[in-house]
N, C-alpha and C. Protein backbone atom coordinates (compact mmCIF):
# COMPACT_ATOMS: atom_id res chain seq x y z
N MET A 1 -20.80 3.23 -4.55
CA MET A 1 -19.35 2.98 -4.54
C MET A 1 -18.96 2.53 -3.13
N ASP A 2 -18.27 1.41 -3.04
CA ASP A 2 -17.88 0.92 -1.72
C ASP A 2 -16.54 1.51 -1.28
N GLU A 3 -16.13 1.19 -0.06
CA GLU A 3 -14.90 1.76 0.51
C GLU A 3 -13.67 1.45 -0.32
N ILE A 4 -13.59 0.25 -0.86
CA ILE A 4 -12.42 -0.12 -1.66
C ILE A 4 -12.35 0.73 -2.92
N ASP A 5 -13.48 0.92 -3.57
CA ASP A 5 -13.50 1.76 -4.77
C ASP A 5 -13.11 3.20 -4.45
N LYS A 6 -13.62 3.72 -3.33
CA LYS A 6 -13.26 5.07 -2.91
C LYS A 6 -11.76 5.16 -2.65
N ALA A 7 -11.23 4.13 -1.98
CA ALA A 7 -9.79 4.11 -1.68
C ALA A 7 -8.97 4.05 -2.96
N LYS A 8 -9.41 3.25 -3.91
CA LYS A 8 -8.69 3.16 -5.19
C LYS A 8 -8.70 4.49 -5.92
N ASP A 9 -9.82 5.21 -5.84
CA ASP A 9 -9.87 6.55 -6.46
C ASP A 9 -8.85 7.48 -5.81
N GLU A 10 -8.79 7.45 -4.49
CA GLU A 10 -7.80 8.27 -3.77
C GLU A 10 -6.39 7.86 -4.15
N PHE A 11 -6.14 6.56 -4.26
CA PHE A 11 -4.84 6.04 -4.65
C PHE A 11 -4.45 6.56 -6.03
N GLU A 12 -5.37 6.45 -6.97
CA GLU A 12 -5.10 6.88 -8.34
C GLU A 12 -4.80 8.36 -8.46
N THR A 13 -5.33 9.16 -7.54
CA THR A 13 -5.08 10.60 -7.60
C THR A 13 -3.92 11.02 -6.70
N GLY A 14 -3.25 10.04 -6.10
CA GLY A 14 -2.05 10.34 -5.31
C GLY A 14 -2.32 10.85 -3.91
N ARG A 15 -3.50 10.63 -3.40
CA ARG A 15 -3.81 11.00 -2.02
C ARG A 15 -3.58 9.76 -1.16
N TRP A 16 -2.30 9.52 -0.88
CA TRP A 16 -1.86 8.28 -0.26
C TRP A 16 -2.42 8.07 1.14
N SER A 17 -2.38 9.08 1.97
CA SER A 17 -2.88 8.95 3.35
C SER A 17 -4.37 8.64 3.37
N LYS A 18 -5.11 9.35 2.54
CA LYS A 18 -6.55 9.11 2.48
C LYS A 18 -6.86 7.72 1.95
N ALA A 19 -6.14 7.33 0.92
CA ALA A 19 -6.33 5.99 0.36
C ALA A 19 -6.02 4.93 1.40
N TYR A 20 -4.90 5.10 2.10
CA TYR A 20 -4.50 4.12 3.11
C TYR A 20 -5.57 3.99 4.19
N ALA A 21 -6.07 5.12 4.68
CA ALA A 21 -7.10 5.08 5.73
C ALA A 21 -8.38 4.40 5.23
N LEU A 22 -8.76 4.67 4.00
CA LEU A 22 -9.95 4.03 3.44
C LEU A 22 -9.74 2.54 3.24
N PHE A 23 -8.55 2.16 2.79
CA PHE A 23 -8.25 0.73 2.65
C PHE A 23 -8.34 0.03 4.01
N GLN A 24 -7.77 0.65 5.04
CA GLN A 24 -7.83 0.06 6.38
C GLN A 24 -9.27 -0.14 6.81
N LYS A 25 -10.08 0.87 6.61
CA LYS A 25 -11.49 0.80 6.99
C LYS A 25 -12.20 -0.31 6.21
N ALA A 26 -11.88 -0.41 4.94
CA ALA A 26 -12.52 -1.41 4.08
C ALA A 26 -12.17 -2.83 4.49
N LEU A 27 -11.00 -3.03 5.07
CA LEU A 27 -10.58 -4.38 5.45
C LEU A 27 -11.13 -4.85 6.79
N GLU A 28 -11.71 -3.95 7.55
CA GLU A 28 -12.23 -4.34 8.86
C GLU A 28 -13.26 -5.46 8.70
N GLY A 29 -13.00 -6.58 9.37
CA GLY A 29 -13.92 -7.70 9.37
C GLY A 29 -13.87 -8.58 8.14
N ARG A 30 -12.90 -8.37 7.26
CA ARG A 30 -12.81 -9.21 6.05
C ARG A 30 -11.86 -10.38 6.28
N ASN A 31 -11.99 -11.40 5.49
CA ASN A 31 -11.16 -12.60 5.56
C ASN A 31 -9.81 -12.34 4.89
N ASP A 32 -8.73 -12.55 5.62
CA ASP A 32 -7.39 -12.29 5.09
C ASP A 32 -6.97 -13.18 3.93
N SER A 33 -7.68 -14.27 3.70
CA SER A 33 -7.26 -15.16 2.62
C SER A 33 -7.87 -14.79 1.27
N ALA A 34 -8.81 -13.89 1.26
CA ALA A 34 -9.48 -13.51 0.02
C ALA A 34 -8.53 -12.76 -0.92
N ARG A 35 -8.68 -12.98 -2.20
CA ARG A 35 -7.83 -12.34 -3.20
C ARG A 35 -7.97 -10.82 -3.15
N GLU A 36 -9.20 -10.35 -3.00
CA GLU A 36 -9.42 -8.91 -2.97
C GLU A 36 -8.67 -8.27 -1.79
N VAL A 37 -8.66 -8.95 -0.67
CA VAL A 37 -7.94 -8.44 0.50
C VAL A 37 -6.45 -8.38 0.20
N ALA A 38 -5.93 -9.39 -0.48
CA ALA A 38 -4.51 -9.38 -0.84
C ALA A 38 -4.19 -8.21 -1.76
N GLN A 39 -5.06 -7.95 -2.72
CA GLN A 39 -4.85 -6.81 -3.61
C GLN A 39 -4.85 -5.51 -2.83
N VAL A 40 -5.77 -5.38 -1.90
CA VAL A 40 -5.85 -4.17 -1.09
C VAL A 40 -4.59 -4.00 -0.26
N ARG A 41 -4.10 -5.07 0.31
CA ARG A 41 -2.90 -4.97 1.15
C ARG A 41 -1.67 -4.58 0.32
N VAL A 42 -1.61 -5.02 -0.92
CA VAL A 42 -0.52 -4.58 -1.81
C VAL A 42 -0.64 -3.08 -2.06
N LEU A 43 -1.85 -2.61 -2.31
CA LEU A 43 -2.06 -1.17 -2.52
C LEU A 43 -1.74 -0.38 -1.25
N MET A 44 -2.07 -0.94 -0.10
CA MET A 44 -1.74 -0.27 1.16
C MET A 44 -0.22 -0.13 1.30
N ALA A 45 0.51 -1.17 0.93
CA ALA A 45 1.97 -1.11 0.98
C ALA A 45 2.49 -0.03 0.05
N ARG A 46 1.89 0.08 -1.12
CA ARG A 46 2.31 1.11 -2.07
C ARG A 46 2.02 2.50 -1.53
N CYS A 47 0.90 2.65 -0.81
CA CYS A 47 0.60 3.94 -0.16
C CYS A 47 1.68 4.26 0.87
N LEU A 48 2.03 3.27 1.68
CA LEU A 48 3.04 3.49 2.71
C LEU A 48 4.37 3.93 2.11
N VAL A 49 4.74 3.35 0.99
CA VAL A 49 5.98 3.75 0.31
C VAL A 49 5.91 5.23 -0.04
N GLN A 50 4.80 5.64 -0.63
CA GLN A 50 4.65 7.03 -1.04
C GLN A 50 4.57 7.98 0.14
N MET A 51 4.19 7.44 1.30
CA MET A 51 4.09 8.24 2.51
C MET A 51 5.42 8.29 3.27
N GLY A 52 6.48 7.69 2.67
CA GLY A 52 7.80 7.72 3.30
C GLY A 52 7.97 6.69 4.40
N GLU A 53 7.24 5.58 4.30
CA GLU A 53 7.28 4.53 5.31
C GLU A 53 7.65 3.18 4.69
N PRO A 54 8.87 3.07 4.13
CA PRO A 54 9.22 1.81 3.47
C PRO A 54 9.31 0.62 4.43
N ASP A 55 9.68 0.84 5.68
CA ASP A 55 9.75 -0.27 6.63
C ASP A 55 8.36 -0.86 6.90
N LYS A 56 7.39 0.02 7.07
CA LYS A 56 6.02 -0.44 7.28
C LYS A 56 5.48 -1.14 6.04
N ALA A 57 5.82 -0.61 4.87
CA ALA A 57 5.39 -1.22 3.61
C ALA A 57 5.99 -2.62 3.47
N GLU A 58 7.27 -2.74 3.79
CA GLU A 58 7.92 -4.05 3.70
C GLU A 58 7.26 -5.04 4.65
N SER A 59 6.96 -4.61 5.84
CA SER A 59 6.29 -5.48 6.81
C SER A 59 4.94 -5.95 6.27
N GLN A 60 4.19 -5.03 5.69
CA GLN A 60 2.89 -5.36 5.09
C GLN A 60 3.06 -6.43 4.01
N LEU A 61 4.08 -6.27 3.18
CA LEU A 61 4.31 -7.22 2.09
C LEU A 61 4.81 -8.56 2.60
N LYS A 62 5.68 -8.55 3.59
CA LYS A 62 6.17 -9.81 4.15
C LYS A 62 5.04 -10.62 4.75
N ASP A 63 4.11 -9.96 5.44
CA ASP A 63 2.96 -10.65 6.01
C ASP A 63 2.09 -11.28 4.93
N LEU A 64 2.07 -10.67 3.78
CA LEU A 64 1.22 -11.11 2.69
C LEU A 64 1.88 -12.18 1.81
N ARG A 65 3.19 -12.17 1.72
CA ARG A 65 3.91 -13.01 0.76
C ARG A 65 3.50 -14.48 0.79
N ASP A 66 3.42 -15.07 1.96
CA ASP A 66 3.11 -16.50 2.06
C ASP A 66 1.66 -16.83 1.74
N LYS A 67 0.81 -15.83 1.69
CA LYS A 67 -0.60 -16.04 1.41
C LYS A 67 -0.92 -15.97 -0.08
N LEU A 68 0.05 -15.55 -0.88
CA LEU A 68 -0.19 -15.41 -2.31
C LEU A 68 -0.13 -16.76 -3.01
N SER A 69 -1.02 -16.94 -3.96
CA SER A 69 -1.03 -18.16 -4.76
C SER A 69 -0.05 -17.99 -5.92
N THR A 70 0.78 -18.98 -6.12
CA THR A 70 1.74 -18.92 -7.22
C THR A 70 1.04 -18.98 -8.58
N SER A 71 -0.22 -19.39 -8.61
CA SER A 71 -0.95 -19.45 -9.87
C SER A 71 -1.59 -18.12 -10.25
N ASP A 72 -1.61 -17.17 -9.33
CA ASP A 72 -2.22 -15.87 -9.61
C ASP A 72 -1.14 -14.90 -10.08
N GLN A 73 -0.83 -14.98 -11.36
CA GLN A 73 0.25 -14.19 -11.93
C GLN A 73 0.00 -12.68 -11.84
N GLU A 74 -1.24 -12.27 -11.99
CA GLU A 74 -1.55 -10.84 -11.92
C GLU A 74 -1.26 -10.28 -10.53
N LEU A 75 -1.69 -10.98 -9.51
CA LEU A 75 -1.46 -10.53 -8.15
C LEU A 75 0.03 -10.59 -7.80
N LEU A 76 0.72 -11.62 -8.27
CA LEU A 76 2.17 -11.71 -8.04
C LEU A 76 2.90 -10.54 -8.70
N LYS A 77 2.44 -10.13 -9.86
CA LYS A 77 3.04 -8.99 -10.55
C LYS A 77 2.82 -7.71 -9.74
N GLN A 78 1.61 -7.53 -9.19
CA GLN A 78 1.32 -6.37 -8.35
C GLN A 78 2.22 -6.36 -7.11
N PHE A 79 2.39 -7.55 -6.53
CA PHE A 79 3.26 -7.69 -5.36
C PHE A 79 4.69 -7.29 -5.70
N GLU A 80 5.20 -7.78 -6.82
CA GLU A 80 6.57 -7.47 -7.24
C GLU A 80 6.75 -5.97 -7.50
N THR A 81 5.74 -5.33 -8.07
CA THR A 81 5.80 -3.88 -8.28
C THR A 81 5.94 -3.17 -6.94
N ALA A 82 5.12 -3.57 -5.99
CA ALA A 82 5.17 -2.95 -4.66
C ALA A 82 6.53 -3.20 -4.00
N TRP A 83 7.06 -4.40 -4.14
CA TRP A 83 8.35 -4.73 -3.53
C TRP A 83 9.46 -3.88 -4.13
N ARG A 84 9.44 -3.69 -5.46
CA ARG A 84 10.43 -2.83 -6.12
C ARG A 84 10.32 -1.39 -5.62
N GLU A 85 9.09 -0.93 -5.42
CA GLU A 85 8.90 0.43 -4.92
C GLU A 85 9.50 0.59 -3.52
N VAL A 86 9.37 -0.44 -2.69
CA VAL A 86 9.99 -0.41 -1.36
C VAL A 86 11.50 -0.29 -1.51
N GLU A 87 12.08 -1.13 -2.35
CA GLU A 87 13.53 -1.10 -2.55
C GLU A 87 13.99 0.24 -3.11
N ASP A 88 13.25 0.79 -4.07
CA ASP A 88 13.60 2.08 -4.65
C ASP A 88 13.53 3.19 -3.61
N THR A 89 12.53 3.12 -2.75
CA THR A 89 12.36 4.15 -1.72
C THR A 89 13.51 4.12 -0.73
N ARG A 90 14.02 2.96 -0.46
CA ARG A 90 15.16 2.85 0.46
C ARG A 90 16.41 3.55 -0.08
N ARG A 91 16.46 3.77 -1.39
CA ARG A 91 17.61 4.45 -1.99
C ARG A 91 17.49 5.97 -1.95
N LEU A 92 16.31 6.46 -1.58
CA LEU A 92 16.10 7.91 -1.54
C LEU A 92 16.87 8.52 -0.38
N ASP A 93 17.22 9.78 -0.53
CA ASP A 93 17.91 10.45 0.58
C ASP A 93 16.91 10.79 1.68
N LYS A 94 17.44 11.09 2.85
CA LYS A 94 16.59 11.35 4.02
C LYS A 94 15.66 12.53 3.79
N ALA A 95 16.13 13.52 3.07
CA ALA A 95 15.30 14.70 2.82
C ALA A 95 14.03 14.34 2.04
N GLU A 96 14.17 13.46 1.05
CA GLU A 96 13.00 13.05 0.27
C GLU A 96 12.04 12.22 1.13
N ILE A 97 12.58 11.35 1.95
CA ILE A 97 11.72 10.55 2.84
C ILE A 97 10.96 11.48 3.78
N GLU A 98 11.64 12.44 4.34
CA GLU A 98 10.99 13.39 5.26
C GLU A 98 9.96 14.24 4.53
N ARG A 99 10.24 14.60 3.28
CA ARG A 99 9.28 15.36 2.48
C ARG A 99 8.00 14.55 2.29
N ARG A 100 8.16 13.26 2.00
CA ARG A 100 6.99 12.39 1.81
C ARG A 100 6.19 12.25 3.10
N LYS A 101 6.91 12.10 4.21
CA LYS A 101 6.22 11.97 5.50
C LYS A 101 5.45 13.24 5.83
N ALA A 102 6.07 14.40 5.57
CA ALA A 102 5.41 15.67 5.84
C ALA A 102 4.18 15.85 4.94
N ALA A 103 4.31 15.48 3.69
CA ALA A 103 3.17 15.59 2.77
C ALA A 103 2.03 14.69 3.21
N ALA A 104 2.35 13.49 3.66
CA ALA A 104 1.32 12.56 4.12
C ALA A 104 0.64 13.09 5.38
N LYS A 105 1.42 13.67 6.27
CA LYS A 105 0.87 14.24 7.50
C LYS A 105 -0.04 15.42 7.18
N ALA A 106 0.38 16.27 6.26
CA ALA A 106 -0.42 17.44 5.87
C ALA A 106 -1.72 17.00 5.20
N GLU A 107 -1.66 15.92 4.45
CA GLU A 107 -2.83 15.42 3.76
C GLU A 107 -3.91 14.95 4.74
N LYS A 108 -3.48 14.42 5.87
CA LYS A 108 -4.43 13.92 6.88
C LYS A 108 -5.23 15.07 7.50
N ASN A 109 -4.62 16.25 7.54
CA ASN A 109 -5.29 17.39 8.19
C ASN A 109 -6.26 18.10 7.30
């Protein structure tokens, strides 16, 4: 099992900080134009949202937006899902954002 698969497993079980760290490690030295890298960056943005970091998630998605192919409908759908999650997270109250940040910090330890 490679780093991306391990990260996806962590993502699926809701261990956002661990998934994010594994995704970062998996991307080291990879080509940013590859489809797989784009998918990973979308998942990284989704992790950031769950970790209470919508601004960082938005930045991740903005950097990726121009690199997406309009013919790749599946990847565009994943991108749109992540973008909606960013927008939804911005509507949360400060207490929920702080709860997510604390949970992500505790998960790292």
